[in-house]
N, C-alpha and C. Protein backbone atom coordinates (compact mmCIF):
# COMPACT_ATOMS: atom_id res chain seq x y z
N MET A 1 -104.91 48.84 131.42
CA MET A 1 -104.32 48.35 131.02
C MET A 1 -104.73 46.82 132.25
N GLU A 2 -104.89 45.64 131.45
CA GLU A 2 -104.72 44.91 133.17
C GLU A 2 -103.40 44.68 133.18
N LYS A 3 -102.76 43.44 134.38
CA LYS A 3 -101.79 43.49 134.93
C LYS A 3 -100.92 42.18 133.77
N LEU A 4 -101.66 41.51 133.27
CA LEU A 4 -100.78 41.08 131.86
C LEU A 4 -100.75 41.45 130.84
N GLY A 5 -101.39 43.27 130.15
CA GLY A 5 -101.10 42.67 129.42
C GLY A 5 -99.23 43.89 130.00
N LYS A 6 -99.28 44.35 130.84
CA LYS A 6 -98.22 45.07 131.50
C LYS A 6 -96.94 44.19 131.57
N ILE A 7 -97.15 42.91 131.64
CA ILE A 7 -96.30 42.28 132.00
C ILE A 7 -95.44 41.68 130.01
N ILE A 8 -96.58 41.22 129.63
CA ILE A 8 -96.21 41.46 128.15
C ILE A 8 -95.77 42.36 127.70
N ASP A 9 -95.89 43.39 128.10
CA ASP A 9 -95.27 44.89 127.18
C ASP A 9 -93.86 44.97 127.95
N GLU A 10 -93.96 44.96 128.82
CA GLU A 10 -92.31 45.15 129.93
C GLU A 10 -91.58 43.91 129.49
N ALA A 11 -92.38 42.66 129.20
CA ALA A 11 -91.01 41.61 127.90
C ALA A 11 -90.40 42.17 126.69
N ASN A 12 -91.86 42.34 126.03
CA ASN A 12 -91.39 43.06 124.91
C ASN A 12 -90.57 44.32 124.97
N ARG A 13 -90.42 45.49 125.53
CA ARG A 13 -89.44 46.45 125.89
C ARG A 13 -88.38 46.23 126.38
N GLN A 14 -88.17 44.96 127.18
CA GLN A 14 -86.90 44.70 127.14
C GLN A 14 -86.01 43.51 126.47
N LYS A 15 -86.79 43.09 125.82
CA LYS A 15 -86.05 42.51 123.98
C LYS A 15 -85.96 43.38 123.49
N ILE A 16 -86.26 44.49 123.22
CA ILE A 16 -86.07 45.64 122.02
C ILE A 16 -84.64 46.13 122.82
N ALA A 17 -85.03 46.30 124.28
CA ALA A 17 -83.44 46.59 124.46
C ALA A 17 -82.46 45.88 125.00
N GLY A 18 -82.39 44.92 124.42
CA GLY A 18 -82.10 43.65 124.07
C GLY A 18 -81.14 42.58 125.40
N LYS A 19 -82.01 42.82 125.94
CA LYS A 19 -81.80 42.21 127.74
C LYS A 19 -82.46 40.51 126.98
N LYS A 20 -81.77 39.60 127.40
CA LYS A 20 -82.03 38.30 127.66
C LYS A 20 -83.15 37.88 128.77
N ILE A 21 -84.53 37.52 128.16
CA ILE A 21 -85.48 37.86 129.10
C ILE A 21 -85.76 36.39 129.11
N LYS A 22 -86.61 36.00 130.46
CA LYS A 22 -87.24 34.62 130.78
C LYS A 22 -88.27 34.75 131.23
N VAL A 23 -89.49 34.44 130.83
CA VAL A 23 -91.30 34.50 131.47
C VAL A 23 -91.50 33.15 131.57
N PHE A 24 -91.84 32.99 132.52
CA PHE A 24 -92.37 32.10 133.80
C PHE A 24 -94.08 31.58 134.01
N LYS A 25 -94.89 31.11 134.23
CA LYS A 25 -96.04 30.96 134.77
C LYS A 25 -96.24 29.63 135.46
N PRO A 26 -96.95 29.77 136.96
CA PRO A 26 -97.13 28.56 137.31
C PRO A 26 -97.90 27.69 136.15
N ILE A 27 -97.57 26.57 136.48
CA ILE A 27 -98.26 25.03 135.65
C ILE A 27 -99.44 25.05 136.26
N ILE A 28 -99.37 25.51 137.28
CA ILE A 28 -101.43 24.96 137.54
C ILE A 28 -102.22 26.03 137.37
N ASP A 29 -101.81 27.65 135.65
CA ASP A 29 -102.77 28.45 135.97
C ASP A 29 -102.36 28.26 134.06
N ASN A 30 -103.59 27.05 133.85
CA ASN A 30 -103.57 26.10 131.94
C ASN A 30 -105.03 27.18 132.01
N ARG A 31 -105.36 28.07 131.98
CA ARG A 31 -106.89 28.42 131.64
C ARG A 31 -106.71 28.88 130.46
N PHE A 32 -106.02 29.90 130.08
CA PHE A 32 -105.78 30.55 128.88
C PHE A 32 -104.75 29.50 127.42
N SER A 33 -103.55 29.20 128.25
CA SER A 33 -102.91 29.18 127.29
C SER A 33 -101.77 27.86 128.00
N GLU A 34 -101.75 26.15 127.56
CA GLU A 34 -100.69 25.87 128.10
C GLU A 34 -98.96 26.18 128.58
N ASN A 35 -98.98 26.68 127.69
CA ASN A 35 -97.24 27.42 127.71
C ASN A 35 -97.21 28.73 127.17
N SER A 36 -97.90 29.65 127.44
CA SER A 36 -97.78 30.83 126.96
C SER A 36 -98.64 31.87 127.74
N LEU A 37 -98.28 32.99 127.91
CA LEU A 37 -99.24 34.08 128.85
C LEU A 37 -99.82 34.92 127.40
N VAL A 38 -101.59 34.97 127.86
CA VAL A 38 -102.53 35.60 126.89
C VAL A 38 -102.96 36.63 127.33
N ASP A 39 -102.97 37.52 127.12
CA ASP A 39 -103.94 39.15 127.79
C ASP A 39 -105.57 38.89 127.51
N ARG A 40 -106.13 39.64 127.86
CA ARG A 40 -107.59 39.73 126.80
C ARG A 40 -107.68 40.02 126.22
N ASN A 41 -106.75 41.16 125.45
CA ASN A 41 -106.66 41.64 124.02
C ASN A 41 -105.57 40.89 123.06
N GLY A 42 -105.86 39.51 124.11
CA GLY A 42 -104.70 38.22 122.37
C GLY A 42 -103.26 38.31 122.05
N GLN A 43 -103.02 39.47 122.67
CA GLN A 43 -101.54 39.80 123.23
C GLN A 43 -101.05 37.92 123.84
N LYS A 44 -99.91 37.79 123.29
CA LYS A 44 -99.26 36.33 123.72
C LYS A 44 -98.08 36.31 123.56
N ILE A 45 -97.45 35.80 124.59
CA ILE A 45 -95.71 35.14 124.57
C ILE A 45 -95.41 34.16 125.55
N ALA A 46 -94.27 33.18 124.78
CA ALA A 46 -94.38 32.06 125.32
C ALA A 46 -94.15 32.28 126.58
N ALA A 47 -94.25 30.96 127.58
CA ALA A 47 -93.89 31.52 129.41
C ALA A 47 -93.29 29.54 129.15
N ILE A 48 -92.69 29.50 130.49
CA ILE A 48 -92.11 28.70 130.91
C ILE A 48 -92.68 28.23 132.34
N ASN A 49 -93.28 27.01 132.35
CA ASN A 49 -94.58 26.40 132.97
C ASN A 49 -93.26 26.14 134.40
N ILE A 50 -93.64 26.66 135.61
CA ILE A 50 -92.82 25.86 137.01
C ILE A 50 -93.93 26.23 137.89
N GLU A 51 -93.16 25.02 139.24
CA GLU A 51 -94.14 24.93 140.30
C GLU A 51 -93.63 25.92 141.25
N ASN A 52 -92.85 25.86 141.40
CA ASN A 52 -91.48 26.41 142.64
C ASN A 52 -90.65 27.72 142.36
N ILE A 53 -90.74 28.46 143.15
CA ILE A 53 -89.84 29.23 142.97
C ILE A 53 -88.36 29.35 142.61
N GLU A 54 -87.56 28.05 143.30
CA GLU A 54 -86.54 27.48 143.06
C GLU A 54 -86.59 27.42 141.81
N GLU A 55 -86.95 27.00 140.82
CA GLU A 55 -87.03 26.43 139.46
C GLU A 55 -86.40 27.93 138.64
N ILE A 56 -86.14 29.20 139.01
CA ILE A 56 -85.77 29.98 138.09
C ILE A 56 -84.30 29.91 137.89
N LYS A 57 -83.78 29.21 138.92
CA LYS A 57 -82.48 29.49 139.56
C LYS A 57 -81.74 28.84 138.04
N SER A 58 -82.64 27.62 137.45
CA SER A 58 -82.07 26.59 136.34
C SER A 58 -81.99 27.52 135.11
N TYR A 59 -82.24 28.93 134.90
CA TYR A 59 -82.42 29.29 133.57
C TYR A 59 -81.71 30.79 133.60
N ASP A 60 -80.92 30.96 132.62
CA ASP A 60 -79.98 32.23 132.32
C ASP A 60 -80.59 33.60 132.26
N ALA A 61 -80.60 34.30 132.53
CA ALA A 61 -81.45 35.75 132.23
C ALA A 61 -81.10 36.98 132.54
N ASP A 62 -80.96 38.08 132.00
CA ASP A 62 -81.17 39.14 132.35
C ASP A 62 -82.59 39.75 133.15
N VAL A 63 -83.58 39.67 132.54
CA VAL A 63 -84.32 39.64 133.07
C VAL A 63 -85.73 38.68 133.54
N TYR A 64 -86.39 38.47 134.82
CA TYR A 64 -87.14 37.72 135.19
C TYR A 64 -88.41 38.02 134.53
N LEU A 65 -89.55 37.40 133.71
CA LEU A 65 -90.74 38.23 134.05
C LEU A 65 -91.95 36.75 134.47
N ILE A 66 -92.19 36.61 135.95
CA ILE A 66 -93.30 35.98 136.38
C ILE A 66 -94.34 36.31 136.56
N ASP A 67 -95.69 36.03 135.96
CA ASP A 67 -97.40 36.26 135.79
C ASP A 67 -97.39 34.85 136.49
N GLU A 68 -98.52 35.56 137.97
CA GLU A 68 -99.37 34.89 138.57
C GLU A 68 -98.63 33.66 139.87
N PHE A 69 -97.84 34.93 140.45
CA PHE A 69 -96.93 34.46 141.57
C PHE A 69 -97.46 33.67 142.55
N GLN A 70 -98.45 34.39 142.90
CA GLN A 70 -99.53 33.89 144.01
C GLN A 70 -99.75 32.48 143.92
N PHE A 71 -99.20 31.35 142.87
CA PHE A 71 -99.63 30.16 143.04
C PHE A 71 -98.55 29.30 142.97
N LEU A 72 -97.49 29.88 143.01
CA LEU A 72 -95.93 29.25 143.19
C LEU A 72 -95.61 29.16 144.87
N LYS A 73 -95.05 27.72 144.39
CA LYS A 73 -94.53 27.44 145.51
C LYS A 73 -93.05 27.99 146.34
N GLY A 74 -92.34 27.53 147.31
CA GLY A 74 -91.08 27.92 147.48
C GLY A 74 -90.18 29.13 147.93
N ASP A 75 -89.33 29.65 148.25
CA ASP A 75 -88.91 30.29 148.80
C ASP A 75 -88.78 31.52 148.40
N ILE A 76 -88.60 32.67 148.57
CA ILE A 76 -88.50 33.95 147.65
C ILE A 76 -87.11 34.63 147.57
N LYS A 77 -86.20 33.67 148.74
CA LYS A 77 -84.75 33.51 148.37
C LYS A 77 -83.68 33.65 147.37
N ALA A 78 -84.60 32.78 146.44
CA ALA A 78 -84.23 32.59 145.26
C ALA A 78 -84.17 33.29 143.70
N ILE A 79 -85.20 34.80 144.39
CA ILE A 79 -85.08 35.48 143.40
C ILE A 79 -84.26 36.47 144.07
N GLN A 80 -84.35 36.55 145.62
CA GLN A 80 -83.20 37.37 146.11
C GLN A 80 -81.54 37.03 145.79
N ASP A 81 -81.47 35.99 145.75
CA ASP A 81 -80.43 35.70 145.04
C ASP A 81 -79.56 35.58 144.11
N LEU A 82 -80.73 35.73 143.02
CA LEU A 82 -80.14 36.37 141.64
C LEU A 82 -80.32 37.71 141.12
N GLU A 83 -81.64 38.84 142.43
CA GLU A 83 -81.87 39.75 142.28
C GLU A 83 -79.80 40.61 142.70
N SER A 84 -79.36 39.62 143.58
CA SER A 84 -78.27 40.41 144.18
C SER A 84 -76.75 40.15 142.94
N LYS A 85 -76.93 39.32 142.31
CA LYS A 85 -75.86 39.63 140.64
C LYS A 85 -77.02 40.22 139.90
N GLY A 86 -77.64 41.73 139.95
CA GLY A 86 -78.19 42.47 138.90
C GLY A 86 -79.03 41.77 137.94
N LYS A 87 -79.36 40.45 138.19
CA LYS A 87 -80.92 40.38 138.11
C LYS A 87 -82.27 40.89 138.13
N LYS A 88 -83.09 40.83 136.85
CA LYS A 88 -84.01 42.25 136.85
C LYS A 88 -85.26 41.40 136.78
N PHE A 89 -86.51 41.97 138.35
CA PHE A 89 -87.71 40.86 137.85
C PHE A 89 -88.64 41.55 137.41
N TYR A 90 -90.05 41.34 137.45
CA TYR A 90 -91.09 41.76 137.29
C TYR A 90 -92.39 40.92 137.49
N ILE A 91 -92.53 40.77 138.14
CA ILE A 91 -93.53 39.97 138.78
C ILE A 91 -95.30 40.22 138.86
N ALA A 92 -95.83 39.49 139.02
CA ALA A 92 -97.45 39.95 138.56
C ALA A 92 -97.99 39.14 139.31
N GLY A 93 -99.37 39.47 140.53
CA GLY A 93 -100.15 38.40 141.09
C GLY A 93 -101.09 39.45 141.89
N LEU A 94 -102.12 38.48 142.20
CA LEU A 94 -103.06 38.62 143.44
C LEU A 94 -102.33 38.47 144.75
N ASN A 95 -102.67 39.48 145.45
CA ASN A 95 -101.80 40.28 146.95
C ASN A 95 -103.19 39.51 148.12
N LEU A 96 -104.05 39.17 147.94
CA LEU A 96 -105.28 38.40 148.32
C LEU A 96 -105.56 38.10 148.11
N THR A 97 -106.55 36.76 148.46
CA THR A 97 -106.79 35.59 148.92
C THR A 97 -108.81 36.47 148.65
N THR A 98 -109.39 35.66 148.24
CA THR A 98 -110.44 36.02 148.58
C THR A 98 -111.14 36.75 149.48
N GLU A 99 -110.81 35.77 150.83
CA GLU A 99 -111.06 36.04 152.22
C GLU A 99 -110.28 37.24 152.70
N LYS A 100 -109.28 37.85 151.96
CA LYS A 100 -108.24 39.01 152.07
C LYS A 100 -107.17 38.66 153.15
N LYS A 101 -107.03 37.40 152.87
CA LYS A 101 -105.55 37.20 153.32
C LYS A 101 -104.52 36.67 152.08
N PRO A 102 -103.27 37.36 152.88
CA PRO A 102 -101.92 37.70 151.77
C PRO A 102 -101.96 36.19 150.91
N PHE A 103 -101.94 36.32 149.38
CA PHE A 103 -101.96 35.36 149.21
C PHE A 103 -100.67 34.20 148.80
N GLY A 104 -100.19 33.38 148.85
CA GLY A 104 -99.05 32.89 148.50
C GLY A 104 -97.84 33.91 148.73
N LYS A 105 -96.87 33.58 148.65
CA LYS A 105 -95.71 34.39 148.87
C LYS A 105 -95.60 35.92 148.45
N MET A 106 -97.16 36.16 147.93
CA MET A 106 -96.93 37.83 147.77
C MET A 106 -96.44 38.69 148.84
N GLY A 107 -97.36 38.55 149.75
CA GLY A 107 -97.09 38.79 151.11
C GLY A 107 -95.51 39.18 151.50
N ASP A 108 -94.61 38.30 150.52
CA ASP A 108 -93.33 38.04 151.32
C ASP A 108 -92.61 38.66 149.96
N ILE A 109 -93.22 38.43 148.64
CA ILE A 109 -92.36 39.27 147.36
C ILE A 109 -92.61 41.07 147.59
N LEU A 110 -93.53 41.27 148.25
CA LEU A 110 -94.03 43.04 148.47
C LEU A 110 -93.36 43.75 149.40
N CYS A 111 -92.56 42.48 150.30
CA CYS A 111 -91.77 42.75 151.73
C CYS A 111 -90.58 43.59 151.13
N CYS A 112 -89.93 43.12 149.77
CA CYS A 112 -89.16 43.00 149.95
C CYS A 112 -88.71 43.81 147.83
N ALA A 113 -90.10 44.36 147.89
CA ALA A 113 -89.90 45.01 146.10
C ALA A 113 -89.23 46.19 145.91
N ASP A 114 -88.63 46.87 145.30
CA ASP A 114 -87.98 48.00 145.37
C ASP A 114 -89.11 48.90 144.48
N ASN A 115 -90.41 48.23 144.07
CA ASN A 115 -91.12 49.29 143.02
C ASN A 115 -92.07 48.44 143.23
N VAL A 116 -93.57 49.31 143.35
CA VAL A 116 -94.70 48.19 143.57
C VAL A 116 -96.06 49.11 142.98
N GLN A 117 -96.18 48.53 142.04
CA GLN A 117 -97.78 49.68 141.13
C GLN A 117 -98.69 48.29 141.32
N MET A 118 -99.49 48.62 142.14
CA MET A 118 -100.97 47.89 143.01
C MET A 118 -101.80 48.35 141.77
N MET A 119 -102.49 47.77 140.87
CA MET A 119 -103.69 47.86 140.12
C MET A 119 -105.05 47.22 140.05
N THR A 120 -106.04 48.72 140.07
CA THR A 120 -107.34 47.41 140.44
C THR A 120 -108.28 47.41 139.02
N SER A 121 -109.44 46.90 139.12
CA SER A 121 -110.13 47.07 138.03
C SER A 121 -111.80 48.14 138.53
N ILE A 122 -112.48 47.91 137.72
CA ILE A 122 -113.73 48.42 138.10
C ILE A 122 -114.30 47.52 138.91
N CYS A 123 -115.31 47.85 139.97
CA CYS A 123 -116.05 47.00 140.88
C CYS A 123 -117.10 46.78 139.49
N GLU A 124 -117.56 45.65 139.56
CA GLU A 124 -118.24 44.05 138.55
C GLU A 124 -119.97 45.08 139.53
N ILE A 125 -120.37 45.21 140.91
CA ILE A 125 -121.62 45.64 140.60
C ILE A 125 -122.28 47.23 141.18
N CYS A 126 -121.58 48.13 141.73
CA CYS A 126 -121.68 49.36 141.60
C CYS A 126 -121.17 49.85 139.91
N LYS A 127 -120.17 49.14 139.48
CA LYS A 127 -119.64 49.80 138.54
C LYS A 127 -119.11 51.42 138.53
N GLY A 128 -118.49 51.53 139.50
CA GLY A 128 -117.80 53.20 139.77
C GLY A 128 -116.65 53.59 140.56
N GLU A 129 -116.51 52.48 141.37
CA GLU A 129 -115.45 52.54 142.20
C GLU A 129 -114.21 51.61 141.48
N ASN A 130 -112.97 51.32 142.70
CA ASN A 130 -111.67 51.16 141.94
C ASN A 130 -111.89 49.54 142.84
N ALA A 131 -111.91 48.36 141.99
CA ALA A 131 -112.09 46.87 142.84
C ALA A 131 -110.57 47.12 143.17
N ILE A 132 -110.92 46.42 144.94
CA ILE A 132 -109.50 46.07 144.93
C ILE A 132 -109.35 44.52 145.23
N TYR A 133 -110.62 43.84 145.79
CA TYR A 133 -110.72 42.93 145.95
C TYR A 133 -111.43 42.19 144.66
N SER A 134 -111.35 40.70 145.27
CA SER A 134 -112.26 39.43 143.92
C SER A 134 -112.53 38.99 145.34
N TYR A 135 -113.91 38.63 144.48
CA TYR A 135 -114.86 38.38 145.09
C TYR A 135 -115.03 36.84 144.34
N CYS A 136 -115.72 35.29 144.89
CA CYS A 136 -115.68 33.88 144.73
C CYS A 136 -117.23 34.10 144.31
N LYS A 137 -117.85 33.56 143.08
CA LYS A 137 -118.92 33.75 143.18
C LYS A 137 -119.60 32.45 143.56
N ILE A 138 -118.88 31.89 143.98
CA ILE A 138 -118.87 29.97 144.35
C ILE A 138 -118.96 29.43 145.32
N GLN A 139 -119.17 28.78 146.23
CA GLN A 139 -118.27 28.43 147.38
C GLN A 139 -117.04 27.50 147.28
N LYS A 140 -116.06 27.81 148.05
CA LYS A 140 -114.91 27.43 148.07
C LYS A 140 -114.12 27.04 148.83
N THR A 141 -113.17 25.46 148.80
CA THR A 141 -112.44 25.48 149.95
C THR A 141 -111.29 25.75 149.76
N GLY A 142 -110.01 26.66 150.64
CA GLY A 142 -108.98 26.38 150.59
C GLY A 142 -109.13 28.06 149.55
N ASP A 143 -107.42 28.09 149.44
CA ASP A 143 -107.20 29.47 148.89
C ASP A 143 -106.56 29.47 147.79
N VAL A 144 -106.80 28.06 146.88
CA VAL A 144 -106.26 27.81 145.18
C VAL A 144 -107.32 27.31 145.01
N LEU A 145 -108.45 28.01 143.68
CA LEU A 145 -109.09 27.59 143.37
C LEU A 145 -109.20 28.52 141.32
N VAL A 146 -108.20 27.98 140.60
CA VAL A 146 -108.13 28.75 139.33
C VAL A 146 -109.19 28.63 138.78
N GLY A 147 -109.89 30.26 137.93
CA GLY A 147 -110.63 30.18 137.58
C GLY A 147 -110.54 31.69 137.03
N GLY A 148 -111.57 31.91 135.96
CA GLY A 148 -111.52 33.10 135.80
C GLY A 148 -112.86 33.83 135.73
N ASP A 149 -113.73 34.86 134.92
CA ASP A 149 -115.08 35.28 135.23
C ASP A 149 -115.95 34.63 135.50
N ASP A 150 -115.98 33.88 135.19
CA ASP A 150 -116.75 32.87 135.34
C ASP A 150 -117.10 32.22 137.68
N ILE A 151 -116.42 32.52 137.52
CA ILE A 151 -116.17 32.33 139.48
C ILE A 151 -115.24 33.45 139.92
N TYR A 152 -114.79 34.49 139.78
CA TYR A 152 -114.83 35.69 140.23
C TYR A 152 -114.77 36.33 139.58
N ILE A 153 -115.56 37.71 140.41
CA ILE A 153 -115.75 39.29 140.39
C ILE A 153 -114.83 40.32 140.96
N PRO A 154 -114.41 41.38 140.06
CA PRO A 154 -113.23 42.77 141.14
C PRO A 154 -114.79 43.09 141.45
N VAL A 155 -114.73 43.68 143.25
CA VAL A 155 -115.08 44.21 143.88
C VAL A 155 -114.70 45.10 144.32
N CYS A 156 -115.54 46.74 144.73
CA CYS A 156 -114.80 47.51 145.75
C CYS A 156 -114.43 46.96 147.15
N SER A 157 -114.53 47.84 147.92
CA SER A 157 -114.90 47.59 149.60
C SER A 157 -115.64 47.61 150.29
N ASN A 158 -116.79 48.64 149.42
CA ASN A 158 -118.20 48.60 149.93
C ASN A 158 -119.13 47.57 149.26
N CYS A 159 -118.90 47.24 148.30
CA CYS A 159 -119.65 46.32 146.91
C CYS A 159 -119.03 44.34 147.74
N TYR A 160 -118.07 44.43 148.78
CA TYR A 160 -117.28 43.44 149.19
C TYR A 160 -117.85 42.72 149.91
N ASN A 161 -117.91 44.30 151.16
CA ASN A 161 -118.60 43.79 152.49
C ASN A 161 -120.60 43.58 152.43
N ARG A 162 -120.69 44.62 151.37
CA ARG A 162 -122.09 44.13 151.25
C ARG A 162 -122.46 42.47 150.70
N LEU A 163 -121.55 42.16 149.99
CA LEU A 163 -122.34 40.69 149.40
C LEU A 163 -121.44 39.62 150.83
N LEU A 164 -120.55 39.61 151.51
CA LEU A 164 -120.60 39.15 152.81
C LEU A 164 -121.71 39.32 153.30
N ASN A 165 -122.60 40.66 153.94
CA ASN A 165 -123.14 40.71 154.42
C ASN A 165 -124.63 40.02 153.75
N GLY A 166 -124.86 39.90 152.74
CA GLY A 166 -126.01 39.73 152.23
C GLY A 166 -127.16 40.01 151.72
N GLU A 167 -126.67 42.16 152.02
CA GLU A 167 -127.51 42.55 151.02
C GLU A 167 -127.16 42.62 149.38
N ILE A 168 -126.30 42.12 148.71
CA ILE A 168 -126.11 42.09 146.86
C ILE A 168 -126.37 40.42 147.30
N LYS A 169 -126.54 39.99 146.47
CA LYS A 169 -127.02 39.11 145.92
C LYS A 169 -126.20 38.79 143.95
N LEU A 170 -125.89 37.50 143.91
CA LEU A 170 -124.93 37.51 142.73
C LEU A 170 -126.57 36.35 141.83
């Protein structure tokens, strides 16, 4: 199951439990929908577009679900403040850029999370290993280039290095 499917499933689970939920996504990510999270299987849930982490403080909920956290600006203190008041968070995002650097605020949130599930894909090159990296198929500048399968592929460590060394061509 992809990470977005897990977020949508968790949102539905929390609703069944009677919790008041709020779902957020970065305003920069409009690949599949302007104001919904949509997974590869067509599951969909309404989401609030935000640019900065602090914006979540404007919304009252028991449970906050945030997708593509790496694209958000701001300080994770907003999350820590709400968590200290008993609020729950489910956050999904890429931990590394295609250059294997910490992506946005993901390093900060991972350091203070009480439960982390690292999800992998299957390598697009060798088709057998767990893909732990994203490889950008085009030339890019900076860390943020929002795109899908047309720009990025999941790759294992070995194939990532072989791509960088020019041993594999796409």
